[in-house]
Protein backbone atom coordinates (compact mmCIF):
# COMPACT_ATOMS: atom_id res chain seq x y z
CA MET A 1 31.02 8.81 47.12
CA ASN A 2 30.69 9.42 50.87
CA GLY A 3 30.15 6.31 52.01
CA ARG A 4 25.91 6.14 52.24
CA SER A 5 23.86 3.41 50.29
CA MET A 6 22.81 4.47 46.79
CA VAL A 7 20.24 1.96 46.81
CA GLY A 8 16.59 3.10 45.89
CA GLN A 9 17.77 6.84 45.52
CA ALA A 10 18.35 8.51 41.89
CA PRO A 11 22.24 8.63 40.90
CA PRO A 12 23.90 12.15 41.31
CA ARG A 13 23.91 14.34 38.50
CA GLY A 14 26.31 13.83 35.83
CA ARG A 15 27.41 10.48 36.80
CA TRP A 16 27.00 6.84 35.24
CA ILE A 17 24.66 4.35 37.04
CA PRO A 18 27.26 1.57 37.85
CA LEU A 19 26.11 -1.07 35.85
CA GLY A 20 28.36 -4.37 36.39
CA PRO A 21 29.84 -5.87 33.32
CA ARG A 22 27.14 -8.32 32.56
CA LEU A 23 24.14 -5.70 32.74
CA GLY A 24 26.52 -3.20 30.67
CA TRP A 25 27.03 -5.87 27.97
CA VAL A 26 23.32 -6.17 27.56
CA ALA A 27 22.85 -2.33 27.59
CA LEU A 28 25.50 -1.94 24.89
CA MET A 29 23.46 -4.68 22.84
CA PHE A 30 20.23 -2.92 22.84
CA LEU A 31 21.72 0.54 22.13
CA CYS A 32 24.21 -0.39 19.48
CA VAL A 33 24.27 -3.69 18.17
CA LEU A 34 20.64 -4.70 18.01
CA PRO A 35 19.24 -1.37 16.33
CA ALA A 36 22.01 -1.76 13.81
CA CYS A 37 21.19 -5.50 12.85
CA TYR A 38 17.62 -4.61 12.54
CA ARG A 39 17.95 -1.70 9.87
CA GLN A 40 20.20 -4.17 7.77
CA HIS A 41 17.47 -6.23 7.17
CA GLU A 42 14.59 -3.60 7.61
CA ALA A 43 12.76 -3.31 3.88
CA PRO A 44 12.75 0.39 2.91
CA ILE A 45 9.66 2.20 2.46
CA ARG A 46 9.42 3.18 -0.79
CA PRO A 47 10.80 1.47 -4.06
CA LYS A 48 13.48 2.91 -6.40
CA ILE A 49 12.40 3.98 -9.61
CA ASP A 50 14.96 4.45 -12.60
CA ALA A 51 15.23 8.12 -13.00
CA ARG A 52 14.61 8.45 -16.44
CA ALA A 53 11.23 6.16 -15.84
CA ALA A 54 10.33 8.42 -13.03
CA ALA A 55 10.77 11.83 -15.37
CA LEU A 56 8.55 10.00 -18.04
CA MET A 57 5.80 9.32 -15.49
CA THR A 58 6.05 12.94 -14.41
CA GLN A 59 5.81 13.99 -17.80
CA ALA A 60 2.83 11.70 -18.50
CA MET A 61 1.20 13.04 -15.37
CA SER A 62 1.41 16.58 -16.93
CA ALA A 63 0.22 15.62 -20.23
CA LEU A 64 -2.81 14.10 -18.54
CA LYS A 65 -3.42 17.53 -16.37
CA GLU A 66 -3.60 18.87 -19.83
CA GLY A 67 -5.96 16.57 -21.45
CA MET A 68 -3.13 15.39 -23.83
CA THR A 69 -4.00 11.10 -23.40
CA ASP A 70 -1.94 10.72 -26.69
CA ALA A 71 1.41 12.32 -25.31
CA ALA A 72 0.61 10.63 -21.76
CA THR A 73 0.14 7.27 -23.17
CA GLU A 74 3.68 7.70 -25.28
CA HIS A 75 5.48 8.47 -21.86
CA LEU A 76 3.72 5.82 -20.41
CA GLN A 77 4.85 3.29 -22.77
CA ASP A 78 8.09 4.69 -22.78
CA ALA A 79 8.35 4.31 -19.26
CA LEU A 80 7.16 0.75 -19.01
CA ALA A 81 10.08 0.05 -21.74
CA LEU A 82 12.32 1.14 -19.12
CA ASP A 83 10.92 -0.58 -16.39
CA PRO A 84 8.40 -3.15 -17.21
CA GLU A 85 7.09 -3.65 -13.79
CA LEU A 86 5.96 0.18 -13.20
CA ALA A 87 2.39 -0.45 -11.54
CA GLN A 88 1.38 3.20 -11.91
CA ALA A 89 2.01 3.12 -15.58
CA HIS A 90 0.31 0.01 -16.15
CA ALA A 91 -2.88 1.51 -14.11
CA LEU A 92 -2.69 4.62 -15.81
CA LEU A 93 -2.59 3.07 -19.03
CA GLY A 94 -5.89 1.05 -18.52
CA ILE A 95 -7.67 4.05 -17.29
CA ILE A 96 -6.63 5.83 -20.87
CA GLY A 97 -7.39 2.69 -22.53
CA GLU A 98 -10.94 2.44 -20.88
CA THR A 99 -12.08 6.01 -21.61
CA ARG A 100 -10.96 5.09 -25.10
CA GLY A 101 -12.85 1.58 -25.28
CA ASP A 102 -9.62 0.00 -25.75
CA ALA A 103 -10.07 -3.95 -24.87
CA ARG A 104 -6.29 -3.93 -23.74
CA ALA A 105 -7.22 -1.78 -20.91
CA ARG A 106 -8.01 -5.00 -18.72
CA GLU A 107 -4.59 -6.55 -19.61
CA HIS A 108 -2.85 -3.28 -18.21
CA TYR A 109 -5.31 -3.47 -14.90
CA ALA A 110 -4.32 -7.24 -14.48
CA ARG A 111 -0.54 -6.04 -14.84
CA ALA A 112 -0.83 -3.19 -12.46
CA VAL A 113 -2.43 -5.51 -9.75
CA ALA A 114 0.43 -8.06 -10.34
CA CYS A 115 3.33 -5.56 -10.20
CA TYR A 116 1.66 -3.92 -7.14
CA GLY A 117 1.52 -7.39 -5.25
CA LYS A 118 5.21 -7.63 -5.65
CA LEU A 119 5.50 -4.15 -4.67
CA ALA A 120 3.60 -4.79 -1.52
CA GLU A 121 5.34 -7.89 -0.69
CA ALA A 122 8.86 -5.79 -0.96
CA TYR A 123 7.36 -2.95 0.79
CA PRO A 124 4.86 -4.28 3.40
CA ARG A 125 4.86 -1.27 5.57
CA ASN A 126 4.27 1.17 2.57
CA LEU A 127 0.17 1.74 2.65
CA GLU A 128 0.18 3.45 -0.79
CA ILE A 129 1.46 0.48 -2.45
CA ALA A 130 -1.71 -1.43 -0.78
CA LEU A 131 -4.20 1.24 -1.55
CA ASP A 132 -2.95 1.70 -5.14
CA ARG A 133 -3.25 -2.15 -5.60
CA CYS A 134 -6.92 -2.07 -4.07
CA VAL A 135 -8.09 0.65 -6.63
CA ALA A 136 -6.29 -1.37 -9.49
CA LEU A 137 -7.94 -4.44 -8.22
CA PHE A 138 -11.47 -2.54 -8.15
CA LEU A 139 -11.15 -1.64 -11.81
CA TRP A 140 -9.67 -4.81 -12.97
CA ARG A 141 -12.29 -7.41 -10.95
CA GLY A 142 -14.71 -5.48 -9.28
CA GLN A 143 -16.28 -4.27 -6.05
CA ALA A 144 -16.06 -7.61 -4.03
CA GLU A 145 -12.56 -8.46 -4.59
CA ALA A 146 -11.25 -4.74 -3.84
CA LEU A 147 -13.60 -4.84 -0.51
CA HIS A 148 -11.58 -7.60 0.31
CA ALA A 149 -8.26 -6.09 -0.30
CA VAL A 150 -9.14 -2.76 1.62
CA ASN A 151 -10.81 -4.65 4.40
CA GLN A 152 -7.42 -6.69 4.65
CA VAL A 153 -5.33 -3.26 5.24
CA LEU A 154 -7.88 -1.78 7.46
CA ARG A 155 -7.84 -5.38 9.54
CA ASP A 156 -4.26 -4.56 10.10
CA TYR A 157 -4.23 -0.55 10.19
CA PRO A 158 -7.89 -0.20 11.76
CA ASP A 159 -7.01 3.62 12.03
CA TYR A 160 -5.59 4.16 8.80
CA GLN A 161 -8.08 7.07 7.15
CA PRO A 162 -7.57 7.01 3.67
CA ALA A 163 -8.24 3.28 3.76
CA ALA A 164 -11.64 3.83 5.11
CA THR A 165 -11.99 6.27 2.70
CA LEU A 166 -11.28 4.15 -0.01
CA ARG A 167 -13.65 1.75 1.18
CA GLU A 168 -16.38 4.18 0.97
CA ARG A 169 -15.63 5.11 -2.52
CA ILE A 170 -15.40 1.15 -3.40
CA GLU A 171 -18.73 0.70 -1.39
CA LYS A 172 -20.46 3.22 -3.87
CA ASN A 173 -18.99 0.93 -6.84
CA ASN A 174 -18.46 4.01 -8.84
CA ARG A 175 -15.97 3.55 -11.42
CA SER A 176 -16.10 6.86 -12.87
CA TYR A 177 -14.82 8.39 -9.83
CA PHE A 178 -11.49 6.68 -10.31
CA ILE A 179 -11.39 7.38 -13.82
CA LYS A 180 -12.41 11.16 -13.44
CA LYS A 181 -10.09 11.67 -10.75
CA VAL A 182 -7.17 10.69 -12.89
CA THR A 183 -8.35 12.19 -16.06
CA GLN A 184 -9.91 15.45 -15.37
CA THR A 185 -8.55 18.17 -17.11
CA ASP A 186 -9.04 20.91 -14.99
CA PRO A 187 -6.81 20.94 -11.62
CA SER A 188 -9.53 22.44 -9.30
CA GLN A 189 -12.05 19.71 -10.10
CA ARG A 190 -9.40 16.83 -9.04
CA LYS A 191 -10.53 16.45 -5.16
C-alpha cells in the first residue's frame, strides 16, 4: 500500500478486505459451513412418488378427462396397491365414488385427509399439499373444518392468493364445484 490509512474508505478494486484470523473464520462459517448444514436438514419441497404409481395417476387423470371413470378407478386402485399413502388417489376415488353414490367415498376422503396431513408434516413448505388437504377436508367433514384449515394457511401466508381463492370457494359451500372440476369431461370447461 502507499502508507495511507484505509479506514473509512472502500478497498482498492481487485483486493480482498483484510479481515483478521477470527473474522475470516466467522465469514467462512457463514459462507460455506452453515449453508451446507442447513441443506442437509432442509425438507424437500415435493414428495417423491413411485414412478409406476405416478404413471398410473397420469393414466387415471387422462381417463377422467375422457369421462372414463371405470378406467380411472382401476388405475387409481392400482396406484394405491403400489403406494397406499397416495393422498391424491384417495381423494380422486372419493370424488368418483361420490358421483356414483358409493358409500365408501367418505372413507377415501378420510384417508386422503390423513395422508395429506402426513405429507404436510413432512413437507411443511409445500402449500399445494396444505390446500389439497383443505379440499379433501371440505369434501369429507364440511365447510367449518375446511375454513379453519385454510385460514391457518392464510395466517402463515397472508398474501398467498390460491389460499384466498380456495377460502372464497369453500365459503360458498358448493361441493359440486370441486366435484365438477375433477370429473368435467370437456377440458375447456375446467377452470
